[in-house]
Amino acid sequence: MNKKKLTGNLMLLAAAAVWGGGYLANDAAIQHIGVFTYETLRMLIGGLILLPVCMALRKREQKRPDCTPIPRRALITGGALCGVALVFASALQGFGLLYTTPGKGSFIAALYIVIVPIITSTLRRRLPPPALWAGVAAALAGFALLSLSGEGGGINPGDLIMLACAAVYSVQICLLEHYSPKVNGVYLACVEFFTASLTALVFALIFDDFSLPAIAAAAVPLLYASVISCCLGFTLQSVALRMTDASVGSLIMSLESVFALLFSWVINGETLLMREYFGCALVFAAVMLSQLPEGKRKSL
């Protein structure tokens, strides 16, 4: 591995770590403020940070002789659709964390990585490879071991919400994959964040009670989620994926849930039952399998 690829992989590892910490920040913030209030402020701060970056980037592009106009239709449509999907997925994550733990919830939410290739295969009208179906079976078994641990052996409602979160996140990822080739990723993320913030604000005005003392109490996890998890994580991902292989990068970013569980254990003292750890292992195996290149999946 050359130095450039190593640097890119380390940057993606750092991105996975800060995203894993985002689960704890989310869990800490919603102890003080409503889920939609949290999403409104988090996405707004992220958009405001990216806005001057977009302006500087565009100014630099305009100095080049081959500067092309911004595809406004794709930017607005893609950013709006991605933003709406993002805020609903993030809100489901927040509501799920009210009933389950960050470590366990992160593994269930990571199932979006398994769902995405199934959606893309369906849209392309072709059957997913057999190895991917094996990954789906492992994911279902892992989810059962994780969630069938509530009172009386029932399914924890928070785990079901996190599963719904994974489904909506998979839609958001598919939208990003569709619109990213058409417009600069930084521009798209900026519109996405502002759209998500505005959408969350509508629901916050209906369901949440705004309280400045409560917002102040949630300031630290809120700033972490918006500045570190959103903006820094996005920047590390954008830069690093240009320096390393996409397949390797996807596998490294899959460690997000592992970091979330590790941080939750260190900071919150979260521990799981042995069958839940086995469930995490099955989910992680399914996630890793779904991120393997197509040729390697077929050879398994």
Protein backbone atom coordinates (compact mmCIF):
# COMPACT_ATOMS: atom_id res chain seq x y z
CA MET A 1 0.00 0.00 0.00
CA ASN A 2 1.47 3.36 -1.01
CA LYS A 3 1.54 6.41 1.26
CA LYS A 4 -1.40 8.10 -0.48
CA LYS A 5 -3.72 5.12 -0.03
CA LEU A 6 -2.60 4.67 3.57
CA THR A 7 -3.39 8.30 4.31
CA GLY A 8 -6.80 7.96 2.69
CA ASN A 9 -7.59 4.81 4.67
CA LEU A 10 -6.57 6.47 7.94
CA MET A 11 -8.79 9.45 7.11
CA LEU A 12 -11.74 7.12 6.48
CA LEU A 13 -11.00 5.36 9.76
CA ALA A 14 -11.16 8.75 11.48
CA ALA A 15 -14.46 9.49 9.70
CA ALA A 16 -15.90 6.17 10.90
CA ALA A 17 -14.79 7.03 14.44
CA VAL A 18 -16.43 10.48 14.48
CA TRP A 19 -19.62 9.03 12.96
CA GLY A 20 -19.65 6.36 15.65
CA GLY A 21 -19.37 9.10 18.27
CA GLY A 22 -22.34 10.79 16.62
CA TYR A 23 -24.66 8.13 18.07
CA LEU A 24 -23.62 9.09 21.58
CA ALA A 25 -24.00 12.79 20.77
CA ASN A 26 -27.49 12.14 19.43
CA ASP A 27 -28.40 10.12 22.52
CA ALA A 28 -27.06 12.84 24.86
CA ALA A 29 -28.76 15.74 23.04
CA ILE A 30 -32.25 14.24 22.95
CA GLN A 31 -32.16 13.91 26.73
CA HIS A 32 -32.59 17.71 26.77
CA ILE A 33 -34.36 18.73 23.56
CA GLY A 34 -36.89 17.22 21.18
CA VAL A 35 -35.74 15.04 18.30
CA PHE A 36 -36.93 17.47 15.62
CA THR A 37 -35.42 20.46 17.44
CA TYR A 38 -32.12 18.60 17.54
CA GLU A 39 -32.29 17.81 13.82
CA THR A 40 -33.27 21.41 12.98
CA LEU A 41 -30.26 22.89 14.77
CA ARG A 42 -27.81 20.16 13.76
CA MET A 43 -28.61 20.41 10.06
CA LEU A 44 -28.73 24.23 10.17
CA ILE A 45 -25.26 24.46 11.72
CA GLY A 46 -23.92 21.95 9.20
CA GLY A 47 -25.39 23.93 6.29
CA LEU A 48 -24.05 27.25 7.61
CA ILE A 49 -20.56 25.77 7.91
CA LEU A 50 -20.66 24.37 4.38
CA LEU A 51 -22.10 27.54 2.81
CA PRO A 52 -18.84 29.59 2.84
CA VAL A 53 -16.99 26.48 1.68
CA CYS A 54 -19.34 26.29 -1.32
CA MET A 55 -18.85 29.99 -2.05
CA ALA A 56 -15.05 29.69 -1.93
CA LEU A 57 -15.14 26.56 -4.06
CA ARG A 58 -17.33 28.21 -6.68
CA LYS A 59 -15.13 31.31 -6.74
CA ARG A 60 -12.10 29.13 -7.42
CA GLU A 61 -13.96 27.22 -10.14
CA GLN A 62 -14.94 30.44 -11.91
CA LYS A 63 -11.27 31.36 -12.30
CA ARG A 64 -10.71 28.29 -14.45
CA PRO A 65 -11.20 28.66 -18.21
CA ASP A 66 -13.20 25.42 -18.38
CA CYS A 67 -15.66 26.48 -15.66
CA THR A 68 -19.09 24.98 -16.20
CA PRO A 69 -22.40 26.32 -14.85
CA ILE A 70 -23.90 24.65 -11.80
CA PRO A 71 -26.65 22.19 -12.83
CA ARG A 72 -29.26 23.99 -10.74
CA ARG A 73 -32.14 21.62 -11.44
CA ALA A 74 -30.17 18.56 -10.35
CA LEU A 75 -28.75 20.45 -7.36
CA ILE A 76 -32.11 21.70 -6.08
CA THR A 77 -34.07 18.52 -6.83
CA GLY A 78 -31.35 16.18 -5.55
CA GLY A 79 -30.59 18.28 -2.48
CA ALA A 80 -34.27 18.57 -1.59
CA LEU A 81 -35.01 14.86 -1.97
CA CYS A 82 -31.86 13.83 -0.11
CA GLY A 83 -32.59 16.37 2.62
CA VAL A 84 -36.13 15.13 3.24
CA ALA A 85 -34.94 11.50 3.34
CA LEU A 86 -32.06 12.46 5.62
CA VAL A 87 -34.20 14.25 8.20
CA PHE A 88 -36.71 11.39 8.43
CA ALA A 89 -33.91 8.82 8.76
CA SER A 90 -32.16 10.95 11.39
CA ALA A 91 -35.41 11.54 13.27
CA LEU A 92 -36.11 7.80 13.34
CA GLN A 93 -32.61 7.30 14.71
CA GLY A 94 -33.31 9.84 17.44
CA PHE A 95 -36.65 8.27 18.40
CA GLY A 96 -35.05 4.82 18.33
CA LEU A 97 -32.34 5.92 20.75
CA LEU A 98 -35.04 6.86 23.24
CA TYR A 99 -35.77 3.14 23.64
CA THR A 100 -32.50 1.38 22.81
CA THR A 101 -28.78 1.94 23.44
CA PRO A 102 -26.35 3.73 21.07
CA GLY A 103 -24.11 0.69 20.62
CA LYS A 104 -26.84 -1.80 19.79
CA GLY A 105 -28.82 0.77 17.82
CA SER A 106 -25.81 1.59 15.64
CA PHE A 107 -25.49 -2.02 14.46
CA ILE A 108 -29.18 -2.17 13.55
CA ALA A 109 -29.00 1.17 11.72
CA ALA A 110 -25.94 -0.13 9.83
CA LEU A 111 -28.23 -2.58 8.05
CA TYR A 112 -28.86 0.18 5.50
CA ILE A 113 -25.55 -0.93 3.96
CA VAL A 114 -27.11 -4.35 3.29
CA ILE A 115 -30.40 -2.89 2.03
CA VAL A 116 -28.81 -0.51 -0.51
CA PRO A 117 -27.43 -3.18 -2.92
CA ILE A 118 -30.80 -4.96 -2.84
CA ILE A 119 -32.57 -1.74 -3.85
CA THR A 120 -30.06 -0.99 -6.61
CA SER A 121 -30.29 -4.55 -7.96
CA THR A 122 -34.09 -4.30 -7.99
CA LEU A 123 -34.00 -0.96 -9.81
CA ARG A 124 -31.64 -2.46 -12.39
CA ARG A 125 -33.99 -5.44 -12.75
CA ARG A 126 -31.45 -8.06 -11.86
CA LEU A 127 -31.26 -10.53 -9.00
CA PRO A 128 -28.73 -9.84 -6.25
CA PRO A 129 -25.87 -12.40 -6.20
CA PRO A 130 -26.36 -15.46 -3.96
CA ALA A 131 -23.62 -14.31 -1.56
CA LEU A 132 -25.56 -11.12 -0.91
CA TRP A 133 -28.63 -13.15 0.00
CA ALA A 134 -26.42 -15.01 2.46
CA GLY A 135 -25.53 -11.62 3.88
CA VAL A 136 -29.23 -10.76 4.16
CA ALA A 137 -29.84 -14.01 6.05
CA ALA A 138 -26.98 -13.18 8.41
CA ALA A 139 -28.38 -9.66 8.89
CA LEU A 140 -31.85 -11.00 9.75
CA ALA A 141 -30.39 -13.52 12.19
CA GLY A 142 -28.25 -10.81 13.74
CA PHE A 143 -31.21 -8.47 14.10
CA ALA A 144 -33.23 -11.23 15.78
CA LEU A 145 -30.47 -11.89 18.30
CA LEU A 146 -30.13 -8.18 19.00
CA SER A 147 -33.80 -7.27 19.25
CA LEU A 148 -35.43 -10.37 20.80
CA SER A 149 -34.05 -9.47 24.18
CA GLY A 150 -36.80 -7.26 25.56
CA GLU A 151 -39.15 -8.14 28.39
CA GLY A 152 -40.88 -11.44 27.80
CA GLY A 153 -38.71 -12.13 24.76
CA GLY A 154 -40.51 -9.55 22.65
CA ILE A 155 -38.92 -7.18 20.16
CA ASN A 156 -37.61 -3.95 21.61
CA PRO A 157 -39.64 -1.10 20.01
CA GLY A 158 -36.49 1.01 19.77
CA ASP A 159 -34.84 -1.70 17.68
CA LEU A 160 -37.80 -1.74 15.29
CA ILE A 161 -37.53 2.02 14.93
CA MET A 162 -33.81 1.69 14.20
CA LEU A 163 -34.63 -0.90 11.53
CA ALA A 164 -37.04 1.60 9.95
CA CYS A 165 -34.23 4.15 10.20
CA ALA A 166 -31.96 1.80 8.24
CA ALA A 167 -34.61 1.43 5.53
CA VAL A 168 -35.01 5.21 5.12
CA TYR A 169 -31.24 5.75 5.20
CA SER A 170 -30.92 3.26 2.34
CA VAL A 171 -33.31 5.39 0.27
CA GLN A 172 -31.25 8.49 1.09
CA ILE A 173 -28.03 6.73 0.02
CA CYS A 174 -29.61 5.62 -3.25
CA LEU A 175 -30.68 9.22 -3.92
CA LEU A 176 -27.15 10.42 -3.20
CA GLU A 177 -25.69 7.83 -5.55
CA HIS A 178 -28.08 9.01 -8.26
CA TYR A 179 -27.44 12.74 -7.93
CA SER A 180 -23.77 12.82 -6.84
CA PRO A 181 -22.38 12.28 -10.37
CA LYS A 182 -24.48 15.19 -11.63
CA VAL A 183 -23.39 17.88 -9.16
CA ASN A 184 -20.49 18.68 -6.82
CA GLY A 185 -20.86 16.75 -3.58
CA VAL A 186 -20.19 19.78 -1.35
CA TYR A 187 -22.94 21.80 -3.06
CA LEU A 188 -25.32 18.86 -2.81
CA ALA A 189 -24.60 18.37 0.91
CA CYS A 190 -25.16 22.07 1.61
CA VAL A 191 -28.61 22.08 -0.03
CA GLU A 192 -29.37 18.75 1.63
CA PHE A 193 -28.57 20.12 5.11
CA PHE A 194 -30.64 23.29 4.67
CA THR A 195 -33.58 21.29 3.31
CA ALA A 196 -33.34 18.85 6.21
CA SER A 197 -33.20 21.72 8.70
CA LEU A 198 -36.28 23.42 7.22
CA THR A 199 -38.22 20.14 7.11
CA ALA A 200 -37.31 19.33 10.72
CA LEU A 201 -38.30 22.86 11.79
CA VAL A 202 -41.85 22.32 10.52
CA PHE A 203 -42.22 19.22 12.70
CA ALA A 204 -40.41 20.84 15.62
CA LEU A 205 -42.92 23.70 15.65
CA ILE A 206 -45.75 21.15 15.82
CA PHE A 207 -44.37 18.56 18.25
CA ASP A 208 -41.51 20.10 20.26
CA ASP A 209 -41.29 22.76 22.94
CA PHE A 210 -38.48 25.24 22.34
CA SER A 211 -36.50 26.08 25.45
CA LEU A 212 -33.26 28.07 25.40
CA PRO A 213 -31.98 26.52 28.66
CA ALA A 214 -32.62 23.05 27.23
CA ILE A 215 -30.84 23.93 23.99
CA ALA A 216 -27.92 25.33 26.01
CA ALA A 217 -27.76 22.07 27.98
CA ALA A 218 -27.53 20.15 24.69
CA ALA A 219 -24.94 22.52 23.18
CA VAL A 220 -21.89 20.24 23.45
CA PRO A 221 -23.39 17.10 21.82
CA LEU A 222 -25.19 19.33 19.32
CA LEU A 223 -21.95 21.00 18.23
CA TYR A 224 -20.21 17.64 18.04
CA ALA A 225 -22.97 16.22 15.85
CA SER A 226 -23.04 19.21 13.50
CA VAL A 227 -19.39 20.30 13.32
CA ILE A 228 -17.47 17.08 13.94
CA SER A 229 -19.81 14.29 12.84
CA CYS A 230 -21.49 16.04 9.90
CA CYS A 231 -18.95 18.50 8.49
CA LEU A 232 -15.62 16.98 9.49
CA GLY A 233 -16.80 13.46 8.78
CA PHE A 234 -18.14 14.49 5.37
CA THR A 235 -14.90 16.32 4.52
CA LEU A 236 -12.71 13.39 5.54
CA GLN A 237 -14.87 11.05 3.46
CA SER A 238 -14.87 13.30 0.38
CA VAL A 239 -11.09 13.79 0.40
CA ALA A 240 -10.15 10.24 1.37
CA LEU A 241 -12.27 8.50 -1.29
CA ARG A 242 -10.14 10.23 -3.92
CA MET A 243 -7.00 8.71 -2.39
CA THR A 244 -7.97 5.07 -1.88
CA ASP A 245 -10.00 2.26 -3.44
CA ALA A 246 -13.76 2.67 -3.14
CA SER A 247 -14.26 -0.97 -2.05
CA VAL A 248 -11.63 -0.69 0.68
CA GLY A 249 -13.06 2.65 1.72
CA SER A 250 -16.55 1.19 2.08
CA LEU A 251 -15.25 -1.59 4.30
CA ILE A 252 -13.42 0.88 6.55
CA MET A 253 -16.48 3.13 6.85
CA SER A 254 -18.46 0.05 7.91
CA LEU A 255 -16.55 0.25 11.21
CA GLU A 256 -18.81 3.14 12.26
CA SER A 257 -21.04 0.81 14.30
CA VAL A 258 -18.02 -0.83 15.95
CA PHE A 259 -16.77 2.58 17.10
CA ALA A 260 -20.26 3.48 18.36
CA LEU A 261 -20.39 0.33 20.50
CA LEU A 262 -16.83 0.89 21.74
CA PHE A 263 -17.49 4.52 22.69
CA SER A 264 -20.79 3.61 24.34
CA TRP A 265 -19.01 0.98 26.41
CA VAL A 266 -16.23 3.37 27.47
CA ILE A 267 -18.39 6.46 28.08
CA ASN A 268 -21.81 5.07 29.01
CA GLY A 269 -20.76 1.70 30.37
CA GLU A 270 -23.00 -0.08 27.86
CA THR A 271 -22.71 -3.86 27.88
CA LEU A 272 -24.64 -6.45 25.91
CA LEU A 273 -25.72 -10.01 26.46
CA MET A 274 -23.58 -12.68 24.85
CA ARG A 275 -26.24 -13.41 22.23
CA GLU A 276 -26.41 -9.69 21.43
CA TYR A 277 -22.65 -9.59 20.84
CA PHE A 278 -23.10 -12.57 18.52
CA GLY A 279 -25.90 -10.65 16.80
CA CYS A 280 -23.55 -7.68 16.32
CA ALA A 281 -20.98 -10.03 14.78
CA LEU A 282 -23.57 -11.41 12.35
CA VAL A 283 -24.73 -7.93 11.36
CA PHE A 284 -21.15 -6.77 10.86
CA ALA A 285 -20.39 -9.85 8.73
CA ALA A 286 -23.44 -9.06 6.60
CA VAL A 287 -22.34 -5.44 6.24
CA MET A 288 -18.81 -6.44 5.24
CA LEU A 289 -20.12 -8.97 2.72
CA SER A 290 -22.43 -6.44 1.10
CA GLN A 291 -19.50 -4.05 0.59
CA LEU A 292 -17.24 -6.54 -1.18
CA PRO A 293 -16.67 -5.95 -4.91
CA GLU A 294 -19.09 -7.83 -7.15
CA GLY A 295 -16.44 -10.22 -8.40
CA LYS A 296 -15.34 -11.20 -4.91
CA ARG A 297 -18.94 -11.75 -3.80
CA LYS A 298 -19.48 -14.16 -6.69
CA SER A 299 -16.33 -16.11 -5.81
CA LEU A 300 -17.40 -16.74 -2.19
